[in-house]
Amino acid sequence: MKAVCYLKPGLELLERPEPRIKRPIDVKIKIAYASICGSDGHIVEGMHDYAYPDEKKPYIIGHESSGIIEELGEGCGVKGLKVGDHIVFYFQLYCGKCRYCRNGKENLCANIRTNMKGMSEYVVVDEQQVYKIPDGIPLRLACFAEPVSVCLRGIDLAEISIGESVCIFGGGAIGLLSLQLARLSGAGLLVLCEPVEEKRALALELGADAVIDPTSEDFQDRVRRITGGYGFDKVIECAGISSAAPIAFEALGRGGTLVYTSTHHPDYRMPLDLYSLFYKEATIRGVYQSPYAMNRAIAMLPHLVLDKLITAQYPIENVKKAFADQKSGKHIKIVLSICEE
């Protein structure tokens, strides 16, 4: 089968053995679409090489995928899945037995296992990881289920109350999904900070009250004027770049909550003014995983603008161009068509 592989270094489309069902609770999926996440770009750039031992390369990558059930293990039945169902899958498998899982914190599972092989023609995962999507949701848009789950986790941690002021950093897919979810959560004043003009324009179309270009405007002055000098009640950082991380804290008002939804380079260390943290009595939180948000994410897909976030689509054979375009920062979400519905 065709699969997008990280060679450590390098990215190639290779022929790999088609996976087979080995356990009664395995589900074999024929992948229809896979979208490119910012973390996929980080993997290819070597940011997470500590997790990829040389002796096991090449690595199939991808975790934002949708597809059709091809085969079910004889022990599957808990979720009512059947061959032919349109589904998405979560890329992490939690154990359900450790201290964290038993306390309702599956996202922190001590024995979590990863299956990031969604950019391939077929994948086999545990039944636990599979979620059926409702009729009427195209598989092309169903790729958003996993990123929406991440955004939901960020929104949950931000604890937005109706009428509060919210600032979103970053106009990529995570930022624009978070923006829509923040509005649905009751944000009274909603602002996006983003340097790319086209992304700012789309944010206004999607419900932002104002946008800020941090490269051409006095950021702190705009924040003061927009918020009446108070700063934002809630800030959600979705940009994933080091220049955004500290100013996100600066935009936060007293008693506010700052959520870092994006992934930063493992070597990056953000300077933090501890006196300001004390003075603001601020809360800073990070988003790691969101396995239990998948059902809610799927339920929200019909209520979000998704098609406008897909700014390019390529067949899997053009994966190198797709990754190059993703790295340019001009696109919001790029989708690979693998086996179209």
Protein backbone atom coordinates (compact mmCIF):
# COMPACT_ATOMS: atom_id res chain seq x y z
CA MET A 1 0.00 0.00 0.00
CA LYS A 2 1.03 3.63 -0.43
CA ALA A 3 2.05 5.44 2.75
CA VAL A 4 3.62 8.78 3.64
CA CYS A 5 6.77 7.99 5.59
CA TYR A 6 9.23 9.95 7.69
CA LEU A 7 12.68 8.58 6.98
CA LYS A 8 14.56 10.53 9.67
CA PRO A 9 15.54 12.58 7.77
CA GLY A 10 13.30 13.13 4.79
CA LEU A 11 9.75 12.51 3.65
CA GLU A 12 8.77 9.98 0.97
CA LEU A 13 5.73 8.21 -0.40
CA LEU A 14 6.63 4.52 -0.12
CA GLU A 15 5.08 1.11 -0.67
CA ARG A 16 4.57 -0.51 2.71
CA PRO A 17 2.99 -3.84 3.75
CA GLU A 18 -0.77 -3.61 4.13
CA PRO A 19 -1.66 -4.04 7.83
CA ARG A 20 -3.72 -7.03 8.92
CA ILE A 21 -6.12 -7.63 11.79
CA LYS A 22 -4.29 -9.55 14.51
CA ARG A 23 -6.56 -9.22 17.54
CA PRO A 24 -10.32 -9.73 18.04
CA ILE A 25 -10.75 -6.01 18.85
CA ASP A 26 -8.86 -4.71 15.81
CA VAL A 27 -10.54 -2.56 13.16
CA LYS A 28 -9.12 -2.22 9.64
CA ILE A 29 -9.83 1.11 7.99
CA LYS A 30 -9.54 2.18 4.36
CA ILE A 31 -8.36 5.78 4.56
CA ALA A 32 -10.21 8.29 2.37
CA TYR A 33 -8.62 11.59 3.42
CA ALA A 34 -5.84 12.76 5.70
CA SER A 35 -5.13 16.37 6.58
CA ILE A 36 -1.76 17.82 7.51
CA CYS A 37 -1.34 18.99 11.10
CA GLY A 38 1.32 21.46 12.17
CA SER A 39 2.81 18.68 14.29
CA ASP A 40 3.27 16.57 11.14
CA GLY A 41 5.52 19.32 9.86
CA HIS A 42 7.36 19.33 13.19
CA ILE A 43 7.95 15.57 12.92
CA VAL A 44 9.38 15.86 9.41
CA GLU A 45 11.65 18.70 10.57
CA GLY A 46 13.08 16.42 13.27
CA MET A 47 11.54 18.22 16.25
CA HIS A 48 10.37 14.96 17.84
CA ASP A 49 13.21 12.65 16.82
CA TYR A 50 13.57 11.50 20.43
CA ALA A 51 10.41 9.44 19.87
CA TYR A 52 11.62 7.84 16.62
CA PRO A 53 14.45 5.32 17.08
CA ASP A 54 16.60 4.82 13.99
CA GLU A 55 16.24 1.04 13.94
CA LYS A 56 12.48 1.28 13.35
CA LYS A 57 12.40 3.72 10.42
CA PRO A 58 10.68 4.45 8.08
CA TYR A 59 7.71 5.73 10.05
CA ILE A 60 4.24 6.13 8.59
CA ILE A 61 2.82 9.44 9.81
CA GLY A 62 -0.54 11.20 10.00
CA HIS A 63 -3.29 11.42 12.61
CA GLU A 64 -6.08 13.57 11.15
CA SER A 65 -7.77 10.96 8.98
CA SER A 66 -11.17 9.72 7.91
CA GLY A 67 -12.15 6.51 6.18
CA ILE A 68 -14.39 3.49 5.82
CA ILE A 69 -14.34 0.29 7.89
CA GLU A 70 -12.93 -2.50 5.73
CA GLU A 71 -12.85 -5.33 8.28
CA LEU A 72 -13.71 -5.96 11.92
CA GLY A 73 -12.15 -8.35 14.40
CA GLU A 74 -14.51 -11.00 15.75
CA GLY A 75 -14.48 -9.42 19.19
CA CYS A 76 -15.67 -5.97 18.08
CA GLY A 77 -19.19 -5.07 19.12
CA VAL A 78 -19.10 -2.55 21.96
CA LYS A 79 -19.59 0.43 19.64
CA GLY A 80 -21.98 -1.13 17.14
CA LEU A 81 -19.53 -0.66 14.28
CA LYS A 82 -20.00 -2.48 10.99
CA VAL A 83 -18.16 -2.89 7.71
CA GLY A 84 -18.84 0.08 5.46
CA ASP A 85 -19.30 2.61 8.26
CA HIS A 86 -17.76 6.04 7.69
CA ILE A 87 -15.48 6.73 10.62
CA VAL A 88 -12.65 8.71 12.13
CA PHE A 89 -10.14 7.43 14.67
CA TYR A 90 -8.19 8.92 17.56
CA PHE A 91 -4.47 8.31 17.24
CA GLN A 92 -3.83 7.46 20.89
CA LEU A 93 -4.86 4.30 22.74
CA TYR A 94 -5.11 4.60 26.51
CA CYS A 95 -4.88 1.62 28.86
CA GLY A 96 -7.89 2.24 31.11
CA LYS A 97 -6.03 0.72 34.06
CA CYS A 98 -3.39 3.16 35.33
CA ARG A 99 -3.84 5.78 38.05
CA TYR A 100 -4.67 8.52 35.54
CA CYS A 101 -7.19 6.50 33.54
CA ARG A 102 -8.94 5.32 36.71
CA ASN A 103 -9.31 8.97 37.76
CA GLY A 104 -10.88 10.08 34.48
CA LYS A 105 -7.66 11.50 33.05
CA GLU A 106 -7.15 9.23 30.06
CA ASN A 107 -5.29 12.08 28.33
CA LEU A 108 -2.48 11.59 30.86
CA CYS A 109 -2.43 7.76 30.60
CA ALA A 110 0.89 6.38 31.84
CA ASN A 111 0.78 3.59 29.24
CA ILE A 112 -0.58 5.50 26.26
CA ARG A 113 0.20 4.02 22.84
CA THR A 114 0.40 6.01 19.63
CA ASN A 115 -0.73 5.06 16.14
CA MET A 116 0.07 7.96 13.82
CA LYS A 117 -0.26 6.06 10.54
CA GLY A 118 -3.18 7.90 9.03
CA MET A 119 -1.45 9.02 5.82
CA SER A 120 -1.70 5.58 4.27
CA GLU A 121 -4.17 3.55 2.27
CA TYR A 122 -5.02 1.33 5.23
CA VAL A 123 -4.58 1.39 8.99
CA VAL A 124 -5.49 -1.05 11.78
CA VAL A 125 -6.46 0.37 15.17
CA ASP A 126 -8.15 -0.75 18.39
CA GLU A 127 -11.95 -0.56 18.48
CA GLN A 128 -11.56 1.90 21.38
CA GLN A 129 -10.07 4.46 18.98
CA VAL A 130 -12.81 4.35 16.31
CA TYR A 131 -15.76 6.75 16.08
CA LYS A 132 -18.61 6.57 13.58
CA ILE A 133 -19.51 9.86 11.89
CA PRO A 134 -23.14 10.82 11.23
CA ASP A 135 -24.69 10.60 7.79
CA GLY A 136 -24.35 13.82 5.83
CA ILE A 137 -20.83 14.70 6.97
CA PRO A 138 -18.43 14.28 4.02
CA LEU A 139 -15.32 12.26 4.81
CA ARG A 140 -13.25 15.19 3.53
CA LEU A 141 -14.60 17.37 6.35
CA ALA A 142 -14.58 14.56 8.91
CA CYS A 143 -10.77 14.94 9.01
CA PHE A 144 -11.45 17.91 11.29
CA ALA A 145 -12.77 15.70 14.11
CA GLU A 146 -9.39 15.25 15.79
CA PRO A 147 -8.30 18.92 15.59
CA VAL A 148 -11.75 20.00 16.81
CA SER A 149 -11.29 17.69 19.80
CA VAL A 150 -8.01 19.46 20.62
CA CYS A 151 -9.73 22.85 20.38
CA LEU A 152 -12.56 21.63 22.61
CA ARG A 153 -10.02 20.64 25.23
CA GLY A 154 -8.54 24.14 25.05
CA ILE A 155 -11.98 25.72 25.35
CA ASP A 156 -12.77 23.50 28.34
CA LEU A 157 -9.56 24.54 30.09
CA ALA A 158 -10.17 28.23 29.34
CA GLU A 159 -13.55 28.01 31.12
CA ILE A 160 -15.09 30.84 29.10
CA SER A 161 -18.09 32.46 30.78
CA ILE A 162 -20.79 34.18 28.75
CA GLY A 163 -19.77 37.74 27.94
CA GLU A 164 -16.06 37.40 28.67
CA SER A 165 -13.37 38.83 26.39
CA VAL A 166 -11.29 36.27 24.50
CA CYS A 167 -8.18 36.61 22.34
CA ILE A 168 -7.04 33.83 20.02
CA PHE A 169 -3.43 33.78 18.83
CA GLY A 170 -2.92 32.19 15.41
CA GLY A 171 -5.16 32.00 12.35
CA GLY A 172 -4.40 28.45 11.32
CA ALA A 173 -6.93 25.63 11.56
CA ILE A 174 -6.63 25.31 15.34
CA GLY A 175 -6.94 29.06 15.84
CA LEU A 176 -9.96 29.47 13.56
CA LEU A 177 -11.69 26.42 15.01
CA SER A 178 -11.03 27.73 18.52
CA LEU A 179 -12.39 31.10 17.47
CA GLN A 180 -15.68 29.55 16.36
CA LEU A 181 -15.94 27.43 19.50
CA ALA A 182 -15.17 30.44 21.71
CA ARG A 183 -18.04 32.34 20.11
CA LEU A 184 -20.37 29.37 20.61
CA SER A 185 -19.19 29.24 24.25
CA GLY A 186 -20.42 32.79 24.84
CA ALA A 187 -17.41 35.06 24.25
CA GLY A 188 -18.62 38.64 24.35
CA LEU A 189 -15.56 40.24 22.79
CA LEU A 190 -13.63 37.99 20.41
CA VAL A 191 -10.30 38.98 18.86
CA LEU A 192 -7.78 37.14 16.66
CA CYS A 193 -4.07 37.97 16.52
CA GLU A 194 -2.54 36.84 13.20
CA PRO A 195 0.07 38.29 10.77
CA VAL A 196 -1.41 36.87 7.52
CA GLU A 197 -4.02 39.21 6.02
CA GLU A 198 -6.15 36.49 4.40
CA LYS A 199 -6.44 34.64 7.70
CA ARG A 200 -7.45 37.82 9.53
CA ALA A 201 -10.12 38.46 6.91
CA LEU A 202 -11.53 34.96 7.34
CA ALA A 203 -11.53 35.38 11.13
CA LEU A 204 -13.77 38.44 10.76
CA GLU A 205 -16.04 36.43 8.47
CA LEU A 206 -16.20 33.65 11.08
CA GLY A 207 -17.28 35.95 13.88
CA ALA A 208 -14.25 37.82 15.26
CA ASP A 209 -15.08 41.33 16.51
CA ALA A 210 -11.59 42.58 15.74
CA VAL A 211 -8.24 41.36 14.45
CA ILE A 212 -4.67 42.41 15.23
CA ASP A 213 -1.60 42.21 12.99
CA PRO A 214 1.28 41.79 15.49
CA THR A 215 3.88 42.57 12.79
CA SER A 216 2.59 46.02 11.81
CA GLU A 217 0.67 47.29 14.83
CA ASP A 218 1.57 48.28 18.37
CA PHE A 219 0.18 45.12 19.92
CA GLN A 220 -0.07 46.28 23.51
CA ASP A 221 -1.66 49.56 22.50
CA ARG A 222 -4.31 47.72 20.46
CA VAL A 223 -5.01 45.38 23.38
CA ARG A 224 -5.43 48.33 25.74
CA ARG A 225 -7.78 50.14 23.36
CA ILE A 226 -9.85 47.04 22.55
CA THR A 227 -10.25 45.97 26.18
CA GLY A 228 -10.48 49.39 27.79
CA GLY A 229 -7.11 48.86 29.44
CA TYR A 230 -8.07 45.66 31.25
CA GLY A 231 -6.56 42.97 29.03
CA PHE A 232 -8.43 39.85 28.00
CA ASP A 233 -10.29 37.56 30.38
CA LYS A 234 -9.18 34.51 28.42
CA VAL A 235 -6.32 34.01 25.94
CA ILE A 236 -5.85 30.88 23.83
CA GLU A 237 -2.49 30.54 22.08
CA CYS A 238 -2.73 28.47 18.91
CA ALA A 239 0.16 29.88 16.88
CA GLY A 240 2.93 27.55 18.04
CA ILE A 241 5.72 30.05 17.39
CA SER A 242 8.07 31.38 20.06
CA SER A 243 7.31 35.04 19.31
CA ALA A 244 3.62 34.50 20.17
CA ALA A 245 4.11 32.66 23.46
CA PRO A 246 5.22 35.57 25.72
CA ILE A 247 2.93 38.25 24.25
CA ALA A 248 -0.03 35.95 24.81
CA PHE A 249 0.66 36.29 28.53
CA GLU A 250 1.08 40.06 28.18
CA ALA A 251 -2.41 40.28 26.62
CA LEU A 252 -3.97 38.55 29.63
CA GLY A 253 -5.90 40.63 32.15
CA ARG A 254 -5.93 40.23 35.92
CA GLY A 255 -7.57 37.03 37.09
CA GLY A 256 -7.46 35.69 33.53
CA THR A 257 -6.67 32.27 32.12
CA LEU A 258 -4.14 31.56 29.38
CA VAL A 259 -4.27 28.24 27.51
CA TYR A 260 -1.43 27.04 25.31
CA THR A 261 -3.10 24.78 22.75
CA SER A 262 -0.19 24.65 20.31
CA THR A 263 3.01 22.60 20.46
CA HIS A 264 6.29 24.47 20.78
CA HIS A 265 9.82 23.27 20.12
CA PRO A 266 11.10 21.04 22.94
CA ASP A 267 14.12 23.33 23.41
CA TYR A 268 12.10 26.55 23.67
CA ARG A 269 11.95 28.18 27.10
CA MET A 270 9.51 31.04 27.54
CA PRO A 271 10.57 33.90 29.81
CA LEU A 272 7.88 34.49 32.41
CA ASP A 273 7.54 37.56 34.62
CA LEU A 274 6.64 35.90 37.90
CA TYR A 275 5.75 39.23 39.50
CA SER A 276 3.17 39.82 36.77
CA LEU A 277 1.86 36.29 37.29
CA PHE A 278 1.50 37.11 41.00
CA TYR A 279 -0.04 40.52 40.34
CA LYS A 280 -2.49 39.21 37.77
CA GLU A 281 -3.29 36.09 39.80
CA ALA A 282 -3.32 34.42 36.41
CA THR A 283 -3.86 30.79 35.47
CA ILE A 284 -1.70 29.18 32.77
CA ARG A 285 -2.71 25.81 31.32
CA GLY A 286 -1.51 23.52 28.56
CA VAL A 287 -3.36 21.13 26.24
CA TYR A 288 -1.85 17.68 25.80
CA GLN A 289 -4.40 15.11 24.57
CA SER A 290 -8.16 14.98 24.11
CA PRO A 291 -9.34 11.37 23.64
CA TYR A 292 -12.60 11.84 25.55
CA ALA A 293 -13.56 14.93 23.50
CA MET A 294 -14.00 13.02 20.23
CA ASN A 295 -17.73 12.34 20.55
CA ARG A 296 -18.36 16.01 21.33
CA ALA A 297 -16.09 17.08 18.47
CA ILE A 298 -18.02 14.93 15.99
CA ALA A 299 -21.28 16.38 17.31
CA MET A 300 -19.96 19.89 16.63
CA LEU A 301 -18.85 19.28 13.02
CA PRO A 302 -22.22 20.29 11.48
CA HIS A 303 -22.17 23.53 13.50
CA LEU A 304 -18.75 24.76 12.37
CA VAL A 305 -17.56 26.36 9.15
CA LEU A 306 -15.05 23.78 7.90
CA ASP A 307 -14.94 23.91 4.11
CA LYS A 308 -13.45 27.43 4.08
CA LEU A 309 -10.57 26.20 6.24
CA ILE A 310 -9.41 23.76 3.54
CA THR A 311 -7.28 25.98 1.32
CA ALA A 312 -5.60 23.23 -0.72
CA GLN A 313 -6.12 19.56 -1.56
CA TYR A 314 -3.66 17.19 -3.23
CA PRO A 315 -3.61 13.53 -4.15
CA ILE A 316 -1.31 11.55 -1.89
CA GLU A 317 1.21 11.32 -4.76
CA ASN A 318 1.83 15.09 -4.35
CA VAL A 319 2.59 14.84 -0.65
CA LYS A 320 5.97 16.62 -0.89
CA LYS A 321 4.38 19.69 -2.45
CA ALA A 322 1.61 19.54 0.14
CA PHE A 323 4.13 19.60 3.01
CA ALA A 324 6.13 22.40 1.35
CA ASP A 325 2.96 24.46 1.02
CA GLN A 326 2.01 23.73 4.60
CA LYS A 327 5.40 24.95 5.80
CA SER A 328 4.95 28.26 3.94
CA GLY A 329 2.35 29.31 6.52
CA LYS A 330 -0.02 30.68 3.89
CA HIS A 331 -2.48 27.81 4.06
CA ILE A 332 -4.97 27.06 6.81
CA LYS A 333 -5.54 23.35 6.24
CA ILE A 334 -4.23 21.09 3.48
CA VAL A 335 -5.94 17.77 2.79
CA LEU A 336 -4.51 14.69 1.06
CA SER A 337 -6.96 12.56 -0.90
CA ILE A 338 -6.01 8.91 -0.54
CA CYS A 339 -9.05 6.90 -1.53
CA GLU A 340 -11.91 9.31 -2.11
CA GLU A 341 -15.45 8.35 -1.08
